[in-house]
Amino acid sequence: MKSMFEYAGTMVIMLLVTFVFITFTSIEIQEVSARNYHTRVVETIQNDSNYEELSDYEDDNIKLQLNDDNTVLVTYKYQIDVPLFGGVFNEEIVGYAR
Protein backbone atom coordinates (compact mmCIF):
# COMPACT_ATOMS: atom_id res chain seq x y z
CA MET A 1 0.00 0.00 0.00
CA LYS A 2 2.85 2.35 0.84
CA SER A 3 4.48 1.87 -2.56
CA MET A 4 1.21 2.74 -4.31
CA PHE A 5 1.18 6.24 -2.74
CA GLU A 6 4.85 6.74 -3.50
CA TYR A 7 4.24 5.71 -7.11
CA ALA A 8 1.24 8.05 -7.40
CA GLY A 9 3.23 10.93 -5.90
CA THR A 10 6.09 10.29 -8.28
CA MET A 11 3.71 10.24 -11.24
CA VAL A 12 2.13 13.57 -10.21
CA ILE A 13 5.54 15.19 -9.84
CA MET A 14 6.67 13.80 -13.21
CA LEU A 15 3.52 15.15 -14.86
CA LEU A 16 4.13 18.61 -13.38
CA VAL A 17 7.77 18.62 -14.50
CA THR A 18 6.75 17.49 -17.98
CA PHE A 19 4.11 20.22 -18.18
CA VAL A 20 6.65 22.88 -17.15
CA PHE A 21 9.14 21.75 -19.80
CA ILE A 22 6.44 21.62 -22.48
CA THR A 23 5.36 25.14 -21.51
CA PHE A 24 8.92 26.50 -21.75
CA THR A 25 9.43 24.78 -25.09
CA SER A 26 6.17 26.19 -26.44
CA ILE A 27 7.10 29.73 -25.35
CA GLU A 28 10.54 29.45 -26.94
CA ILE A 29 9.11 28.15 -30.23
CA GLN A 30 6.67 31.06 -30.38
CA GLU A 31 9.42 33.60 -29.66
CA VAL A 32 11.69 32.16 -32.34
CA SER A 33 8.83 32.18 -34.85
CA ALA A 34 8.08 35.83 -34.05
CA ARG A 35 11.74 36.82 -34.45
CA ASN A 36 11.95 34.98 -37.77
CA TYR A 37 8.78 36.67 -39.06
CA HIS A 38 10.06 40.10 -38.01
CA THR A 39 13.39 39.41 -39.71
CA ARG A 40 11.65 38.35 -42.93
CA VAL A 41 9.61 41.58 -42.96
CA VAL A 42 12.72 43.70 -42.40
CA GLU A 43 14.64 41.85 -45.12
CA THR A 44 11.75 42.18 -47.57
CA ILE A 45 11.56 45.93 -46.99
CA GLN A 46 15.32 46.27 -47.40
CA ASN A 47 15.37 44.21 -50.60
CA ASP A 48 12.49 46.13 -52.17
CA SER A 49 13.96 49.47 -50.98
CA ASN A 50 10.70 51.21 -51.89
CA TYR A 51 9.95 53.27 -48.81
CA GLU A 52 7.10 55.21 -50.44
CA GLU A 53 4.75 52.20 -50.39
CA LEU A 54 5.19 51.07 -46.80
CA SER A 55 1.47 50.55 -46.29
CA ASP A 56 1.74 47.33 -48.35
CA TYR A 57 3.65 45.70 -45.48
CA GLU A 58 1.50 46.93 -42.58
CA ASP A 59 -1.16 44.85 -40.89
CA ASP A 60 -2.64 44.60 -37.39
CA ASN A 61 0.62 43.38 -35.87
CA ILE A 62 3.24 45.18 -38.00
CA LYS A 63 3.64 48.95 -37.66
CA LEU A 64 6.08 50.86 -39.87
CA GLN A 65 7.44 54.36 -39.42
CA LEU A 66 9.70 56.18 -41.89
CA ASN A 67 12.40 58.17 -40.09
CA ASP A 68 14.24 61.28 -41.25
CA ASP A 69 17.48 59.39 -41.89
CA ASN A 70 15.75 57.15 -44.50
CA THR A 71 15.38 54.18 -42.17
CA VAL A 72 12.16 52.39 -41.37
CA LEU A 73 11.23 51.50 -37.80
CA VAL A 74 9.56 48.06 -37.90
CA THR A 75 7.56 47.10 -34.80
CA TYR A 76 5.98 43.65 -34.54
CA LYS A 77 3.52 43.02 -31.70
CA TYR A 78 2.61 39.45 -30.83
CA GLN A 79 1.06 37.44 -28.03
CA ILE A 80 2.53 34.32 -26.46
CA ASP A 81 0.01 31.58 -25.77
CA VAL A 82 0.78 29.26 -22.87
CA PRO A 83 -0.87 25.82 -22.76
CA LEU A 84 -3.85 25.74 -20.36
CA PHE A 85 -3.52 29.47 -19.58
CA GLY A 86 -4.13 31.04 -23.00
CA GLY A 87 -2.53 34.30 -24.09
CA VAL A 88 -0.38 35.46 -21.22
CA PHE A 89 2.40 37.68 -22.56
CA ASN A 90 2.09 40.59 -24.98
CA GLU A 91 5.48 41.22 -26.52
CA GLU A 92 6.94 43.36 -29.28
CA ILE A 93 10.05 43.29 -31.41
CA VAL A 94 11.53 46.52 -32.71
CA GLY A 95 14.04 46.75 -35.54
CA TYR A 96 15.18 48.99 -38.35
CA ALA A 97 15.22 48.50 -42.11
CA ARG A 98 17.88 50.49 -43.92
PDB file of N, CA and C in Angstrom:
ATOM      1  N   MET A   1       0.813  -1.190   0.000  1.00  0.00           N
ATOM      2  CA  MET A   1       0.000   0.000   0.000  1.00  0.00           C
ATOM      3  C   MET A   1       0.864   1.263   0.000  1.00  0.00           C
ATOM      4  N   LYS A   2       1.960   1.204   0.759  1.00  0.00           N
ATOM      5  CA  LYS A   2       2.847   2.354   0.839  1.00  0.00           C
ATOM      6  C   LYS A   2       3.470   2.662  -0.520  1.00  0.00           C
ATOM      7  N   SER A   3       3.853   1.636  -1.263  1.00  0.00           N
ATOM      8  CA  SER A   3       4.484   1.866  -2.561  1.00  0.00           C
ATOM      9  C   SER A   3       3.496   2.448  -3.567  1.00  0.00           C
ATOM     10  N   MET A   4       2.210   2.180  -3.402  1.00  0.00           N
ATOM     11  CA  MET A   4       1.209   2.737  -4.313  1.00  0.00           C
ATOM     12  C   MET A   4       1.153   4.261  -4.173  1.00  0.00           C
ATOM     13  N   PHE A   5       1.207   4.791  -2.958  1.00  0.00           N
ATOM     14  CA  PHE A   5       1.179   6.236  -2.739  1.00  0.00           C
ATOM     15  C   PHE A   5       2.478   6.886  -3.215  1.00  0.00           C
ATOM     16  N   GLU A   6       3.584   6.212  -3.008  1.00  0.00           N
ATOM     17  CA  GLU A   6       4.852   6.741  -3.502  1.00  0.00           C
ATOM     18  C   GLU A   6       4.847   6.799  -5.024  1.00  0.00           C
ATOM     19  N   TYR A   7       4.330   5.753  -5.654  1.00  0.00           N
ATOM     20  CA  TYR A   7       4.243   5.711  -7.108  1.00  0.00           C
ATOM     21  C   TYR A   7       3.319   6.808  -7.627  1.00  0.00           C
ATOM     22  N   ALA A   8       2.176   7.006  -6.982  1.00  0.00           N
ATOM     23  CA  ALA A   8       1.238   8.047  -7.397  1.00  0.00           C
ATOM     24  C   ALA A   8       1.861   9.436  -7.222  1.00  0.00           C
ATOM     25  N   GLY A   9       2.559   9.643  -6.113  1.00  0.00           N
ATOM     26  CA  GLY A   9       3.233  10.929  -5.896  1.00  0.00           C
ATOM     27  C   GLY A   9       4.304  11.184  -6.931  1.00  0.00           C
ATOM     28  N   THR A  10       5.055  10.166  -7.251  1.00  0.00           N
ATOM     29  CA  THR A  10       6.087  10.293  -8.278  1.00  0.00           C
ATOM     30  C   THR A  10       5.475  10.622  -9.632  1.00  0.00           C
ATOM     31  N   MET A  11       4.369   9.982  -9.953  1.00  0.00           N
ATOM     32  CA  MET A  11       3.708  10.241 -11.241  1.00  0.00           C
ATOM     33  C   MET A  11       3.187  11.677 -11.313  1.00  0.00           C
ATOM     34  N   VAL A  12       2.631  12.192 -10.226  1.00  0.00           N
ATOM     35  CA  VAL A  12       2.129  13.570 -10.209  1.00  0.00           C
ATOM     36  C   VAL A  12       3.284  14.543 -10.395  1.00  0.00           C
ATOM     37  N   ILE A  13       4.379  14.311  -9.700  1.00  0.00           N
ATOM     38  CA  ILE A  13       5.544  15.189  -9.838  1.00  0.00           C
ATOM     39  C   ILE A  13       6.100  15.124 -11.255  1.00  0.00           C
ATOM     40  N   MET A  14       6.180  13.943 -11.832  1.00  0.00           N
ATOM     41  CA  MET A  14       6.673  13.802 -13.207  1.00  0.00           C
ATOM     42  C   MET A  14       5.751  14.518 -14.200  1.00  0.00           C
ATOM     43  N   LEU A  15       4.460  14.450 -13.988  1.00  0.00           N
ATOM     44  CA  LEU A  15       3.519  15.154 -14.860  1.00  0.00           C
ATOM     45  C   LEU A  15       3.701  16.670 -14.761  1.00  0.00           C
ATOM     46  N   LEU A  16       3.904  17.175 -13.555  1.00  0.00           N
ATOM     47  CA  LEU A  16       4.130  18.614 -13.385  1.00  0.00           C
ATOM     48  C   LEU A  16       5.431  19.057 -14.051  1.00  0.00           C
ATOM     49  N   VAL A  17       6.486  18.291 -13.871  1.00  0.00           N
ATOM     50  CA  VAL A  17       7.767  18.624 -14.495  1.00  0.00           C
ATOM     51  C   VAL A  17       7.636  18.583 -16.012  1.00  0.00           C
ATOM     52  N   THR A  18       6.957  17.586 -16.539  1.00  0.00           N
ATOM     53  CA  THR A  18       6.745  17.487 -17.984  1.00  0.00           C
ATOM     54  C   THR A  18       5.947  18.684 -18.497  1.00  0.00           C
ATOM     55  N   PHE A  19       4.907  19.071 -17.773  1.00  0.00           N
ATOM     56  CA  PHE A  19       4.106  20.222 -18.178  1.00  0.00           C
ATOM     57  C   PHE A  19       4.944  21.500 -18.197  1.00  0.00           C
ATOM     58  N   VAL A  20       5.797  21.686 -17.200  1.00  0.00           N
ATOM     59  CA  VAL A  20       6.648  22.878 -17.148  1.00  0.00           C
ATOM     60  C   VAL A  20       7.599  22.908 -18.347  1.00  0.00           C
ATOM     61  N   PHE A  21       8.221  21.783 -18.669  1.00  0.00           N
ATOM     62  CA  PHE A  21       9.140  21.748 -19.805  1.00  0.00           C
ATOM     63  C   PHE A  21       8.410  21.953 -21.126  1.00  0.00           C
ATOM     64  N   ILE A  22       7.224  21.401 -21.260  1.00  0.00           N
ATOM     65  CA  ILE A  22       6.439  21.621 -22.482  1.00  0.00           C
ATOM     66  C   ILE A  22       6.059  23.085 -22.601  1.00  0.00           C
ATOM     67  N   THR A  23       5.714  23.718 -21.497  1.00  0.00           N
ATOM     68  CA  THR A  23       5.360  25.144 -21.511  1.00  0.00           C
ATOM     69  C   THR A  23       6.551  25.988 -21.943  1.00  0.00           C
ATOM     70  N   PHE A  24       7.722  25.737 -21.364  1.00  0.00           N
ATOM     71  CA  PHE A  24       8.915  26.499 -21.746  1.00  0.00           C
ATOM     72  C   PHE A  24       9.269  26.281 -23.215  1.00  0.00           C
ATOM     73  N   THR A  25       9.146  25.071 -23.691  1.00  0.00           N
ATOM     74  CA  THR A  25       9.429  24.780 -25.093  1.00  0.00           C
ATOM     75  C   THR A  25       8.444  25.501 -26.003  1.00  0.00           C
ATOM     76  N   SER A  26       7.189  25.506 -25.643  1.00  0.00           N
ATOM     77  CA  SER A  26       6.166  26.194 -26.436  1.00  0.00           C
ATOM     78  C   SER A  26       6.436  27.696 -26.499  1.00  0.00           C
ATOM     79  N   ILE A  27       6.792  28.293 -25.376  1.00  0.00           N
ATOM     80  CA  ILE A  27       7.097  29.726 -25.347  1.00  0.00           C
ATOM     81  C   ILE A  27       8.299  30.030 -26.231  1.00  0.00           C
ATOM     82  N   GLU A  28       9.332  29.221 -26.141  1.00  0.00           N
ATOM     83  CA  GLU A  28      10.538  29.449 -26.941  1.00  0.00           C
ATOM     84  C   GLU A  28      10.256  29.316 -28.435  1.00  0.00           C
ATOM     85  N   ILE A  29       9.459  28.334 -28.822  1.00  0.00           N
ATOM     86  CA  ILE A  29       9.115  28.150 -30.234  1.00  0.00           C
ATOM     87  C   ILE A  29       8.346  29.368 -30.757  1.00  0.00           C
ATOM     88  N   GLN A  30       7.430  29.890 -29.957  1.00  0.00           N
ATOM     89  CA  GLN A  30       6.669  31.060 -30.381  1.00  0.00           C
ATOM     90  C   GLN A  30       7.554  32.302 -30.501  1.00  0.00           C
ATOM     91  N   GLU A  31       8.504  32.464 -29.587  1.00  0.00           N
ATOM     92  CA  GLU A  31       9.420  33.600 -29.658  1.00  0.00           C
ATOM     93  C   GLU A  31      10.324  33.515 -30.878  1.00  0.00           C
ATOM     94  N   VAL A  32      10.837  32.343 -31.164  1.00  0.00           N
ATOM     95  CA  VAL A  32      11.694  32.159 -32.339  1.00  0.00           C
ATOM     96  C   VAL A  32      10.903  32.417 -33.620  1.00  0.00           C
ATOM     97  N   SER A  33       9.674  31.943 -33.671  1.00  0.00           N
ATOM     98  CA  SER A  33       8.835  32.181 -34.851  1.00  0.00           C
ATOM     99  C   SER A  33       8.564  33.666 -35.037  1.00  0.00           C
ATOM    100  N   ALA A  34       8.317  34.383 -33.956  1.00  0.00           N
ATOM    101  CA  ALA A  34       8.078  35.829 -34.046  1.00  0.00           C
ATOM    102  C   ALA A  34       9.326  36.556 -34.522  1.00  0.00           C
ATOM    103  N   ARG A  35      10.492  36.187 -34.006  1.00  0.00           N
ATOM    104  CA  ARG A  35      11.737  36.822 -34.455  1.00  0.00           C
ATOM    105  C   ARG A  35      12.004  36.543 -35.923  1.00  0.00           C
ATOM    106  N   ASN A  36      11.741  35.312 -36.363  1.00  0.00           N
ATOM    107  CA  ASN A  36      11.954  34.982 -37.771  1.00  0.00           C
ATOM    108  C   ASN A  36      11.006  35.761 -38.671  1.00  0.00           C
ATOM    109  N   TYR A  37       9.744  35.909 -38.262  1.00  0.00           N
ATOM    110  CA  TYR A  37       8.784  36.675 -39.058  1.00  0.00           C
ATOM    111  C   TYR A  37       9.204  38.137 -39.143  1.00  0.00           C
ATOM    112  N   HIS A  38       9.613  38.714 -38.016  1.00  0.00           N
ATOM    113  CA  HIS A  38      10.061  40.104 -38.011  1.00  0.00           C
ATOM    114  C   HIS A  38      11.279  40.285 -38.914  1.00  0.00           C
ATOM    115  N   THR A  39      12.202  39.341 -38.857  1.00  0.00           N
ATOM    116  CA  THR A  39      13.394  39.410 -39.705  1.00  0.00           C
ATOM    117  C   THR A  39      13.030  39.323 -41.182  1.00  0.00           C
ATOM    118  N   ARG A  40      12.075  38.450 -41.529  1.00  0.00           N
ATOM    119  CA  ARG A  40      11.648  38.348 -42.931  1.00  0.00           C
ATOM    120  C   ARG A  40      11.011  39.642 -43.421  1.00  0.00           C
ATOM    121  N   VAL A  41      10.224  40.310 -42.574  1.00  0.00           N
ATOM    122  CA  VAL A  41       9.608  41.579 -42.964  1.00  0.00           C
ATOM    123  C   VAL A  41      10.680  42.636 -43.176  1.00  0.00           C
ATOM    124  N   VAL A  42      11.639  42.724 -42.268  1.00  0.00           N
ATOM    125  CA  VAL A  42      12.722  43.704 -42.399  1.00  0.00           C
ATOM    126  C   VAL A  42      13.531  43.434 -43.667  1.00  0.00           C
ATOM    127  N   GLU A  43      13.867  42.180 -43.925  1.00  0.00           N
ATOM    128  CA  GLU A  43      14.643  41.852 -45.122  1.00  0.00           C
ATOM    129  C   GLU A  43      13.861  42.136 -46.394  1.00  0.00           C
ATOM    130  N   THR A  44      12.571  41.892 -46.392  1.00  0.00           N
ATOM    131  CA  THR A  44      11.749  42.182 -47.569  1.00  0.00           C
ATOM    132  C   THR A  44      11.711  43.675 -47.842  1.00  0.00           C
ATOM    133  N   ILE A  45      11.566  44.476 -46.818  1.00  0.00           N
ATOM    134  CA  ILE A  45      11.560  45.935 -46.993  1.00  0.00           C
ATOM    135  C   ILE A  45      12.911  46.408 -47.496  1.00  0.00           C
ATOM    136  N   GLN A  46      13.988  45.856 -46.962  1.00  0.00           N
ATOM    137  CA  GLN A  46      15.323  46.266 -47.405  1.00  0.00           C
ATOM    138  C   GLN A  46      15.584  45.848 -48.845  1.00  0.00           C
ATOM    139  N   ASN A  47      15.130  44.666 -49.231  1.00  0.00           N
ATOM    140  CA  ASN A  47      15.371  44.210 -50.598  1.00  0.00           C
ATOM    141  C   ASN A  47      14.545  44.980 -51.614  1.00  0.00           C
ATOM    142  N   ASP A  48      13.312  45.342 -51.252  1.00  0.00           N
ATOM    143  CA  ASP A  48      12.489  46.130 -52.168  1.00  0.00           C
ATOM    144  C   ASP A  48      12.955  47.567 -52.231  1.00  0.00           C
ATOM    145  N   SER A  49      13.454  48.098 -51.130  1.00  0.00           N
ATOM    146  CA  SER A  49      13.957  49.468 -50.985  1.00  0.00           C
ATOM    147  C   SER A  49      13.005  50.504 -51.578  1.00  0.00           C
ATOM    148  N   ASN A  50      11.703  50.262 -51.443  1.00  0.00           N
ATOM    149  CA  ASN A  50      10.697  51.210 -51.891  1.00  0.00           C
ATOM    150  C   ASN A  50       9.966  51.710 -50.654  1.00  0.00           C
ATOM    151  N   TYR A  51      10.492  52.792 -50.078  1.00  0.00           N
ATOM    152  CA  TYR A  51       9.952  53.269 -48.811  1.00  0.00           C
ATOM    153  C   TYR A  51       8.702  54.122 -48.982  1.00  0.00           C
ATOM    154  N   GLU A  52       8.309  54.414 -50.223  1.00  0.00           N
ATOM    155  CA  GLU A  52       7.104  55.209 -50.443  1.00  0.00           C
ATOM    156  C   GLU A  52       5.836  54.369 -50.271  1.00  0.00           C
ATOM    157  N   GLU A  53       5.921  53.072 -50.475  1.00  0.00           N
ATOM    158  CA  GLU A  53       4.748  52.200 -50.395  1.00  0.00           C
ATOM    159  C   GLU A  53       4.835  51.278 -49.171  1.00  0.00           C
ATOM    160  N   LEU A  54       5.040  51.863 -48.016  1.00  0.00           N
ATOM    161  CA  LEU A  54       5.188  51.069 -46.803  1.00  0.00           C
ATOM    162  C   LEU A  54       3.862  50.470 -46.336  1.00  0.00           C
ATOM    163  N   SER A  55       2.764  51.053 -46.753  1.00  0.00           N
ATOM    164  CA  SER A  55       1.468  50.547 -46.290  1.00  0.00           C
ATOM    165  C   SER A  55       1.191  49.136 -46.806  1.00  0.00           C
ATOM    166  N   ASP A  56       1.920  48.693 -47.847  1.00  0.00           N
ATOM    167  CA  ASP A  56       1.745  47.326 -48.350  1.00  0.00           C
ATOM    168  C   ASP A  56       2.177  46.279 -47.331  1.00  0.00           C
ATOM    169  N   TYR A  57       3.103  46.647 -46.444  1.00  0.00           N
ATOM    170  CA  TYR A  57       3.646  45.695 -45.483  1.00  0.00           C
ATOM    171  C   TYR A  57       2.929  45.735 -44.139  1.00  0.00           C
ATOM    172  N   GLU A  58       2.145  46.777 -43.882  1.00  0.00           N
ATOM    173  CA  GLU A  58       1.504  46.929 -42.583  1.00  0.00           C
ATOM    174  C   GLU A  58       0.289  46.022 -42.448  1.00  0.00           C
ATOM    175  N   ASP A  59       0.070  45.552 -41.232  1.00  0.00           N
ATOM    176  CA  ASP A  59      -1.161  44.846 -40.891  1.00  0.00           C
ATOM    177  C   ASP A  59      -1.462  45.147 -39.418  1.00  0.00           C
ATOM    178  N   ASP A  60      -2.271  44.335 -38.784  1.00  0.00           N
ATOM    179  CA  ASP A  60      -2.642  44.596 -37.394  1.00  0.00           C
ATOM    180  C   ASP A  60      -1.469  44.464 -36.446  1.00  0.00           C
ATOM    181  N   ASN A  61      -0.497  43.633 -36.781  1.00  0.00           N
ATOM    182  CA  ASN A  61       0.624  43.378 -35.874  1.00  0.00           C
ATOM    183  C   ASN A  61       1.908  44.092 -36.273  1.00  0.00           C
ATOM    184  N   ILE A  62       2.029  44.498 -37.513  1.00  0.00           N
ATOM    185  CA  ILE A  62       3.238  45.178 -37.997  1.00  0.00           C
ATOM    186  C   ILE A  62       2.942  46.664 -38.165  1.00  0.00           C
ATOM    187  N   LYS A  63       3.746  47.499 -37.518  1.00  0.00           N
ATOM    188  CA  LYS A  63       3.644  48.947 -37.661  1.00  0.00           C
ATOM    189  C   LYS A  63       4.966  49.455 -38.206  1.00  0.00           C
ATOM    190  N   LEU A  64       4.891  50.315 -39.229  1.00  0.00           N
ATOM    191  CA  LEU A  64       6.079  50.855 -39.869  1.00  0.00           C
ATOM    192  C   LEU A  64       6.089  52.367 -39.741  1.00  0.00           C
ATOM    193  N   GLN A  65       7.294  52.921 -39.546  1.00  0.00           N
ATOM    194  CA  GLN A  65       7.437  54.360 -39.422  1.00  0.00           C
ATOM    195  C   GLN A  65       8.701  54.782 -40.165  1.00  0.00           C
ATOM    196  N   LEU A  66       8.559  55.675 -41.128  1.00  0.00           N
ATOM    197  CA  LEU A  66       9.695  56.182 -41.892  1.00  0.00           C
ATOM    198  C   LEU A  66      10.354  57.299 -41.100  1.00  0.00           C
ATOM    199  N   ASN A  67      11.642  57.168 -40.848  1.00  0.00           N
ATOM    200  CA  ASN A  67      12.396  58.168 -40.094  1.00  0.00           C
ATOM    201  C   ASN A  67      13.063  59.154 -41.031  1.00  0.00           C
ATOM    202  N   ASP A  68      13.595  60.236 -40.459  1.00  0.00           N
ATOM    203  CA  ASP A  68      14.239  61.285 -41.253  1.00  0.00           C
ATOM    204  C   ASP A  68      15.519  60.805 -41.929  1.00  0.00           C
ATOM    205  N   ASP A  69      16.218  59.851 -41.347  1.00  0.00           N
ATOM    206  CA  ASP A  69      17.482  59.387 -41.895  1.00  0.00           C
ATOM    207  C   ASP A  69      17.291  58.240 -42.896  1.00  0.00           C
ATOM    208  N   ASN A  70      16.094  58.133 -43.464  1.00  0.00           N
ATOM    209  CA  ASN A  70      15.746  57.152 -44.497  1.00  0.00           C
ATOM    210  C   ASN A  70      15.856  55.711 -43.984  1.00  0.00           C
ATOM    211  N   THR A  71      15.518  55.518 -42.732  1.00  0.00           N
ATOM    212  CA  THR A  71      15.383  54.180 -42.172  1.00  0.00           C
ATOM    213  C   THR A  71      13.915  53.970 -41.811  1.00  0.00           C
ATOM    214  N   VAL A  72      13.538  52.725 -41.707  1.00  0.00           N
ATOM    215  CA  VAL A  72      12.158  52.388 -41.367  1.00  0.00           C
ATOM    216  C   VAL A  72      12.159  51.642 -40.034  1.00  0.00           C
ATOM    217  N   LEU A  73      11.400  52.168 -39.089  1.00  0.00           N
ATOM    218  CA  LEU A  73      11.228  51.497 -37.805  1.00  0.00           C
ATOM    219  C   LEU A  73      10.132  50.451 -37.962  1.00  0.00           C
ATOM    220  N   VAL A  74      10.486  49.178 -37.750  1.00  0.00           N
ATOM    221  CA  VAL A  74       9.557  48.062 -37.903  1.00  0.00           C
ATOM    222  C   VAL A  74       9.256  47.508 -36.517  1.00  0.00           C
ATOM    223  N   THR A  75       7.981  47.589 -36.104  1.00  0.00           N
ATOM    224  CA  THR A  75       7.556  47.097 -34.802  1.00  0.00           C
ATOM    225  C   THR A  75       6.557  45.974 -35.006  1.00  0.00           C
ATOM    226  N   TYR A  76       6.857  44.821 -34.438  1.00  0.00           N
ATOM    227  CA  TYR A  76       5.978  43.649 -34.542  1.00  0.00           C
ATOM    228  C   TYR A  76       5.460  43.314 -33.154  1.00  0.00           C
ATOM    229  N   LYS A  77       4.138  43.358 -32.983  1.00  0.00           N
ATOM    230  CA  LYS A  77       3.519  43.022 -31.701  1.00  0.00           C
ATOM    231  C   LYS A  77       2.888  41.646 -31.821  1.00  0.00           C
ATOM    232  N   TYR A  78       3.153  40.812 -30.822  1.00  0.00           N
ATOM    233  CA  TYR A  78       2.610  39.455 -30.835  1.00  0.00           C
ATOM    234  C   TYR A  78       2.270  39.026 -29.420  1.00  0.00           C
ATOM    235  N   GLN A  79       1.492  37.963 -29.329  1.00  0.00           N
ATOM    236  CA  GLN A  79       1.059  37.440 -28.034  1.00  0.00           C
ATOM    237  C   GLN A  79       1.538  36.005 -27.897  1.00  0.00           C
ATOM    238  N   ILE A  80       2.075  35.684 -26.734  1.00  0.00           N
ATOM    239  CA  ILE A  80       2.531  34.325 -26.461  1.00  0.00           C
ATOM    240  C   ILE A  80       1.409  33.571 -25.770  1.00  0.00           C
ATOM    241  N   ASP A  81       1.038  32.433 -26.348  1.00  0.00           N
ATOM    242  CA  ASP A  81       0.006  31.579 -25.772  1.00  0.00           C
ATOM    243  C   ASP A  81       0.656  30.447 -24.995  1.00  0.00           C
ATOM    244  N   VAL A  82       0.260  30.311 -23.740  1.00  0.00           N
ATOM    245  CA  VAL A  82       0.784  29.260 -22.872  1.00  0.00           C
ATOM    246  C   VAL A  82      -0.275  28.169 -22.758  1.00  0.00           C
ATOM    247  N   PRO A  83       0.110  26.900 -22.894  1.00  0.00           N
ATOM    248  CA  PRO A  83      -0.868  25.822 -22.762  1.00  0.00           C
ATOM    249  C   PRO A  83      -1.621  25.899 -21.427  1.00  0.00           C
ATOM    250  N   LEU A  84      -2.913  25.712 -21.484  1.00  0.00           N
ATOM    251  CA  LEU A  84      -3.848  25.742 -20.356  1.00  0.00           C
ATOM    252  C   LEU A  84      -4.110  27.128 -19.782  1.00  0.00           C
ATOM    253  N   PHE A  85      -3.309  28.134 -20.118  1.00  0.00           N
ATOM    254  CA  PHE A  85      -3.521  29.472 -19.581  1.00  0.00           C
ATOM    255  C   PHE A  85      -3.934  30.472 -20.650  1.00  0.00           C
ATOM    256  N   GLY A  86      -3.782  30.127 -21.914  1.00  0.00           N
ATOM    257  CA  GLY A  86      -4.135  31.035 -23.003  1.00  0.00           C
ATOM    258  C   GLY A  86      -3.062  32.079 -23.236  1.00  0.00           C
ATOM    259  N   GLY A  87      -3.474  33.221 -23.795  1.00  0.00           N
ATOM    260  CA  GLY A  87      -2.532  34.297 -24.088  1.00  0.00           C
ATOM    261  C   GLY A  87      -2.116  35.008 -22.823  1.00  0.00           C
ATOM    262  N   VAL A  88      -0.848  34.902 -22.483  1.00  0.00           N
ATOM    263  CA  VAL A  88      -0.376  35.458 -21.224  1.00  0.00           C
ATOM    264  C   VAL A  88       0.494  36.688 -21.438  1.00  0.00           C
ATOM    265  N   PHE A  89       1.432  36.609 -22.374  1.00  0.00           N
ATOM    266  CA  PHE A  89       2.398  37.679 -22.555  1.00  0.00           C
ATOM    267  C   PHE A  89       2.139  38.425 -23.856  1.00  0.00           C
ATOM    268  N   ASN A  90       2.124  39.756 -23.789  1.00  0.00           N
ATOM    269  CA  ASN A  90       2.091  40.595 -24.981  1.00  0.00           C
ATOM    270  C   ASN A  90       3.493  41.157 -25.163  1.00  0.00           C
ATOM    271  N   GLU A  91       4.103  40.832 -26.266  1.00  0.00           N
ATOM    272  CA  GLU A  91       5.484  41.218 -26.523  1.00  0.00           C
ATOM    273  C   GLU A  91       5.569  42.031 -27.806  1.00  0.00           C
ATOM    274  N   GLU A  92       6.689  42.680 -28.009  1.00  0.00           N
ATOM    275  CA  GLU A  92       6.943  43.360 -29.280  1.00  0.00           C
ATOM    276  C   GLU A  92       8.422  43.320 -29.609  1.00  0.00           C
ATOM    277  N   ILE A  93       8.687  43.281 -30.903  1.00  0.00           N
ATOM    278  CA  ILE A  93      10.051  43.289 -31.407  1.00  0.00           C
ATOM    279  C   ILE A  93      10.215  44.543 -32.241  1.00  0.00           C
ATOM    280  N   VAL A  94      11.267  45.268 -32.003  1.00  0.00           N
ATOM    281  CA  VAL A  94      11.525  46.519 -32.707  1.00  0.00           C
ATOM    282  C   VAL A  94      12.842  46.378 -33.459  1.00  0.00           C
ATOM    283  N   GLY A  95      12.831  46.790 -34.729  1.00  0.00           N
ATOM    284  CA  GLY A  95      14.042  46.745 -35.542  1.00  0.00           C
ATOM    285  C   GLY A  95      13.981  47.817 -36.615  1.00  0.00           C
ATOM    286  N   TYR A  96      15.082  47.970 -37.318  1.00  0.00           N
ATOM    287  CA  TYR A  96      15.181  48.993 -38.354  1.00  0.00           C
ATOM    288  C   TYR A  96      15.517  48.356 -39.704  1.00  0.00           C
ATOM    289  N   ALA A  97      14.879  48.861 -40.743  1.00  0.00           N
ATOM    290  CA  ALA A  97      15.224  48.499 -42.107  1.00  0.00           C
ATOM    291  C   ALA A  97      15.952  49.682 -42.711  1.00  0.00           C
ATOM    292  N   ARG A  98      17.074  49.404 -43.351  1.00  0.00           N
ATOM    293  CA  ARG A  98      17.883  50.492 -43.925  1.00  0.00           C
ATOM    294  C   ARG A  98      17.917  50.374 -45.418  1.00  0.00           C
TER     295      ARG A  98
END
